[in-house]
């Protein structure tokens, strides 16, 4: 079920790939399985939309909500293998799905794990790089 809190209805970012929709709102990040939807018309069958990931329902999200995290300072990257990376100034989170994308495993890292100096007063960004192969 999608959280219908008025803050959550403000969509900040959308990405689509392989029947999945990445949605970043004011206070959550979702991955929706919309593969059963017909994208050729305006009729959306809400019952065929499955929420496969919700940050606010993960243990990390629940913990961060308890100390209040401003989602504007949590930067997200959705990779082609469906892995989600999230970063703040001092922490990096990895959310990796099971093969059928029904369960998620999370890991957290300090920025120093990636060779980033502490107290750089900057943010960590992850970018997708497309690799072209010749056949």
C-alpha atoms as a PDB file:
ATOM      1  CA  UNK A   1       0.000   0.000   0.000  1.00  0.00           C
ATOM      2  CA  UNK A   2       1.308   3.442  -0.929  1.00  0.00           C
ATOM      3  CA  UNK A   3       1.499   5.993   1.879  1.00  0.00           C
ATOM      4  CA  UNK A   4      -1.024   8.706   0.959  1.00  0.00           C
ATOM      5  CA  UNK A   5       0.332  11.279   3.412  1.00  0.00           C
ATOM      6  CA  UNK A   6       0.097  14.654   1.628  1.00  0.00           C
ATOM      7  CA  UNK A   7       3.888  15.075   1.826  1.00  0.00           C
ATOM      8  CA  UNK A   8       4.317  11.735   0.087  1.00  0.00           C
ATOM      9  CA  UNK A   9       2.142  12.794  -2.841  1.00  0.00           C
ATOM     10  CA  UNK A  10       4.726  15.360  -3.954  1.00  0.00           C
ATOM     11  CA  UNK A  11       6.806  13.508  -6.547  1.00  0.00           C
ATOM     12  CA  UNK A  12      10.397  14.717  -6.764  1.00  0.00           C
ATOM     13  CA  UNK A  13      11.812  12.200  -9.242  1.00  0.00           C
ATOM     14  CA  UNK A  14      10.645   9.401 -11.552  1.00  0.00           C
ATOM     15  CA  UNK A  15      12.675   6.784 -13.416  1.00  0.00           C
ATOM     16  CA  UNK A  16      11.359   3.837 -15.426  1.00  0.00           C
ATOM     17  CA  UNK A  17      13.155   0.620 -16.424  1.00  0.00           C
ATOM     18  CA  UNK A  18      12.052  -2.927 -17.227  1.00  0.00           C
ATOM     19  CA  UNK A  19       8.529  -2.646 -15.833  1.00  0.00           C
ATOM     20  CA  UNK A  20       9.669  -0.929 -12.633  1.00  0.00           C
ATOM     21  CA  UNK A  21       9.112   2.676 -11.612  1.00  0.00           C
ATOM     22  CA  UNK A  22      11.465   4.463  -9.175  1.00  0.00           C
ATOM     23  CA  UNK A  23       9.562   7.211  -7.342  1.00  0.00           C
ATOM     24  CA  UNK A  24      11.199   9.680  -4.963  1.00  0.00           C
ATOM     25  CA  UNK A  25       8.748  11.723  -2.918  1.00  0.00           C
ATOM     26  CA  UNK A  26       9.182  14.246  -0.143  1.00  0.00           C
ATOM     27  CA  UNK A  27       9.586  11.568   2.533  1.00  0.00           C
ATOM     28  CA  UNK A  28      10.029   8.203   0.830  1.00  0.00           C
ATOM     29  CA  UNK A  29      11.628   6.339  -2.048  1.00  0.00           C
ATOM     30  CA  UNK A  30       9.589   3.630  -3.738  1.00  0.00           C
ATOM     31  CA  UNK A  31      10.097   1.067  -6.450  1.00  0.00           C
ATOM     32  CA  UNK A  32       6.800   0.060  -7.982  1.00  0.00           C
ATOM     33  CA  UNK A  33       6.260  -2.966 -10.195  1.00  0.00           C
ATOM     34  CA  UNK A  34       4.059  -1.624 -12.972  1.00  0.00           C
ATOM     35  CA  UNK A  35       4.836  -4.393 -15.450  1.00  0.00           C
ATOM     36  CA  UNK A  36       1.164  -5.463 -15.548  1.00  0.00           C
ATOM     37  CA  UNK A  37       0.005  -1.974 -16.513  1.00  0.00           C
ATOM     38  CA  UNK A  38      -0.812  -1.026 -20.070  1.00  0.00           C
ATOM     39  CA  UNK A  39       1.198   2.067 -20.829  1.00  0.00           C
ATOM     40  CA  UNK A  40      -0.857   2.722 -23.959  1.00  0.00           C
ATOM     41  CA  UNK A  41      -3.849   4.211 -22.184  1.00  0.00           C
ATOM     42  CA  UNK A  42      -4.692   6.434 -19.258  1.00  0.00           C
ATOM     43  CA  UNK A  43      -6.510   3.749 -17.261  1.00  0.00           C
ATOM     44  CA  UNK A  44      -4.348   2.625 -14.356  1.00  0.00           C
ATOM     45  CA  UNK A  45      -5.304  -0.504 -12.468  1.00  0.00           C
ATOM     46  CA  UNK A  46      -4.087   0.352  -8.977  1.00  0.00           C
ATOM     47  CA  UNK A  47      -4.583  -3.239  -7.839  1.00  0.00           C
ATOM     48  CA  UNK A  48      -1.889  -4.324 -10.309  1.00  0.00           C
ATOM     49  CA  UNK A  49       0.731  -1.972  -8.871  1.00  0.00           C
ATOM     50  CA  UNK A  50       2.989  -3.707  -6.378  1.00  0.00           C
ATOM     51  CA  UNK A  51       5.260  -1.722  -4.046  1.00  0.00           C
ATOM     52  CA  UNK A  52       8.475  -3.748  -4.135  1.00  0.00           C
ATOM     53  CA  UNK A  53      10.552  -1.260  -2.109  1.00  0.00           C
ATOM     54  CA  UNK A  54       9.722   1.519   0.345  1.00  0.00           C
ATOM     55  CA  UNK A  55      12.591   3.214   2.167  1.00  0.00           C
ATOM     56  CA  UNK A  56      10.423   4.236   5.103  1.00  0.00           C
ATOM     57  CA  UNK A  57       9.562   0.565   5.725  1.00  0.00           C
ATOM     58  CA  UNK A  58      13.169  -0.651   5.783  1.00  0.00           C
ATOM     59  CA  UNK A  59      14.984  -0.948   9.130  1.00  0.00           C
ATOM     60  CA  UNK A  60      17.336   1.813   7.934  1.00  0.00           C
ATOM     61  CA  UNK A  61      14.411   4.052   7.021  1.00  0.00           C
ATOM     62  CA  UNK A  62      12.655   3.473  10.340  1.00  0.00           C
ATOM     63  CA  UNK A  63      15.864   4.224  12.229  1.00  0.00           C
ATOM     64  CA  UNK A  64      16.513   7.390  10.192  1.00  0.00           C
ATOM     65  CA  UNK A  65      12.939   8.589  10.734  1.00  0.00           C
ATOM     66  CA  UNK A  66      13.460   8.279  14.483  1.00  0.00           C
ATOM     67  CA  UNK A  67      16.290  10.828  14.270  1.00  0.00           C
ATOM     68  CA  UNK A  68      14.492  12.767  11.484  1.00  0.00           C
ATOM     69  CA  UNK A  69      16.316  12.744   8.225  1.00  0.00           C
ATOM     70  CA  UNK A  70      15.639  15.363   5.610  1.00  0.00           C
ATOM     71  CA  UNK A  71      15.195  13.388   2.394  1.00  0.00           C
ATOM     72  CA  UNK A  72      16.592  16.386   0.495  1.00  0.00           C
ATOM     73  CA  UNK A  73      20.007  15.469   1.914  1.00  0.00           C
ATOM     74  CA  UNK A  74      19.814  11.785   1.053  1.00  0.00           C
ATOM     75  CA  UNK A  75      20.930  11.243  -2.537  1.00  0.00           C
ATOM     76  CA  UNK A  76      19.687   8.184  -4.423  1.00  0.00           C
ATOM     77  CA  UNK A  77      20.933   6.218  -7.416  1.00  0.00           C
ATOM     78  CA  UNK A  78      18.987   3.347  -8.944  1.00  0.00           C
ATOM     79  CA  UNK A  79      21.323   1.067 -10.858  1.00  0.00           C
ATOM     80  CA  UNK A  80      20.440  -1.172 -13.846  1.00  0.00           C
ATOM     81  CA  UNK A  81      20.741  -4.296 -11.642  1.00  0.00           C
ATOM     82  CA  UNK A  82      18.013  -2.780  -9.386  1.00  0.00           C
ATOM     83  CA  UNK A  83      20.463  -2.053  -6.567  1.00  0.00           C
ATOM     84  CA  UNK A  84      19.721   1.218  -4.799  1.00  0.00           C
ATOM     85  CA  UNK A  85      22.505   3.360  -3.375  1.00  0.00           C
ATOM     86  CA  UNK A  86      21.759   6.202  -0.979  1.00  0.00           C
ATOM     87  CA  UNK A  87      24.303   8.594   0.440  1.00  0.00           C
ATOM     88  CA  UNK A  88      24.577  11.337   3.007  1.00  0.00           C
ATOM     89  CA  UNK A  89      27.642  13.287   4.099  1.00  0.00           C
ATOM     90  CA  UNK A  90      28.938  10.576   6.409  1.00  0.00           C
ATOM     91  CA  UNK A  91      27.101   7.384   5.419  1.00  0.00           C
ATOM     92  CA  UNK A  92      26.420   5.299   2.349  1.00  0.00           C
ATOM     93  CA  UNK A  93      23.636   2.727   2.130  1.00  0.00           C
ATOM     94  CA  UNK A  94      23.199  -0.135  -0.315  1.00  0.00           C
ATOM     95  CA  UNK A  95      19.830  -1.823  -0.817  1.00  0.00           C
ATOM     96  CA  UNK A  96      20.075  -5.005  -2.856  1.00  0.00           C
ATOM     97  CA  UNK A  97      17.004  -6.956  -3.982  1.00  0.00           C
ATOM     98  CA  UNK A  98      16.482 -10.693  -4.165  1.00  0.00           C
ATOM     99  CA  UNK A  99      16.237 -12.143  -7.683  1.00  0.00           C
ATOM    100  CA  UNK A 100      12.460 -11.690  -7.731  1.00  0.00           C
ATOM    101  CA  UNK A 101      12.698  -8.229  -6.086  1.00  0.00           C
ATOM    102  CA  UNK A 102      10.426  -9.183  -3.189  1.00  0.00           C
ATOM    103  CA  UNK A 103      13.001  -8.933  -0.386  1.00  0.00           C
ATOM    104  CA  UNK A 104      15.767  -6.421   0.162  1.00  0.00           C
ATOM    105  CA  UNK A 105      19.100  -6.708   1.952  1.00  0.00           C
ATOM    106  CA  UNK A 106      20.666  -3.514   3.231  1.00  0.00           C
ATOM    107  CA  UNK A 107      24.204  -2.590   4.152  1.00  0.00           C
ATOM    108  CA  UNK A 108      25.589   0.639   5.519  1.00  0.00           C
ATOM    109  CA  UNK A 109      29.100   1.947   5.080  1.00  0.00           C
ATOM    110  CA  UNK A 110      31.040   4.889   6.381  1.00  0.00           C
ATOM    111  CA  UNK A 111      32.349   7.231   3.708  1.00  0.00           C
ATOM    112  CA  UNK A 112      35.890   6.229   4.668  1.00  0.00           C
ATOM    113  CA  UNK A 113      35.154   2.683   3.411  1.00  0.00           C
ATOM    114  CA  UNK A 114      35.286   4.181  -0.091  1.00  0.00           C
ATOM    115  CA  UNK A 115      38.388   6.257   0.623  1.00  0.00           C
ATOM    116  CA  UNK A 116      36.460   9.457   1.237  1.00  0.00           C
ATOM    117  CA  UNK A 117      37.968  11.628   3.943  1.00  0.00           C
ATOM    118  CA  UNK A 118      35.846  12.375   6.971  1.00  0.00           C
ATOM    119  CA  UNK A 119      34.385  15.834   7.322  1.00  0.00           C
ATOM    120  CA  UNK A 120      34.752  16.782   3.676  1.00  0.00           C
ATOM    121  CA  UNK A 121      31.502  18.777   4.003  1.00  0.00           C
ATOM    122  CA  UNK A 122      30.422  17.366   0.666  1.00  0.00           C
ATOM    123  CA  UNK A 123      28.114  14.683  -0.588  1.00  0.00           C
ATOM    124  CA  UNK A 124      28.709  11.385  -2.340  1.00  0.00           C
ATOM    125  CA  UNK A 125      26.966  10.770  -5.653  1.00  0.00           C
ATOM    126  CA  UNK A 126      26.687   7.534  -7.626  1.00  0.00           C
ATOM    127  CA  UNK A 127      26.288   7.607 -11.383  1.00  0.00           C
ATOM    128  CA  UNK A 128      25.401   4.910 -13.874  1.00  0.00           C
ATOM    129  CA  UNK A 129      27.857   4.384 -16.688  1.00  0.00           C
ATOM    130  CA  UNK A 130      26.696   2.637 -19.802  1.00  0.00           C
ATOM    131  CA  UNK A 131      29.254   0.255 -21.217  1.00  0.00           C
ATOM    132  CA  UNK A 132      28.923  -0.457 -24.927  1.00  0.00           C
ATOM    133  CA  UNK A 133      30.145  -3.803 -26.148  1.00  0.00           C
ATOM    134  CA  UNK A 134      30.914  -4.620 -29.733  1.00  0.00           C
ATOM    135  CA  UNK A 135      29.959  -8.003 -31.039  1.00  0.00           C
END
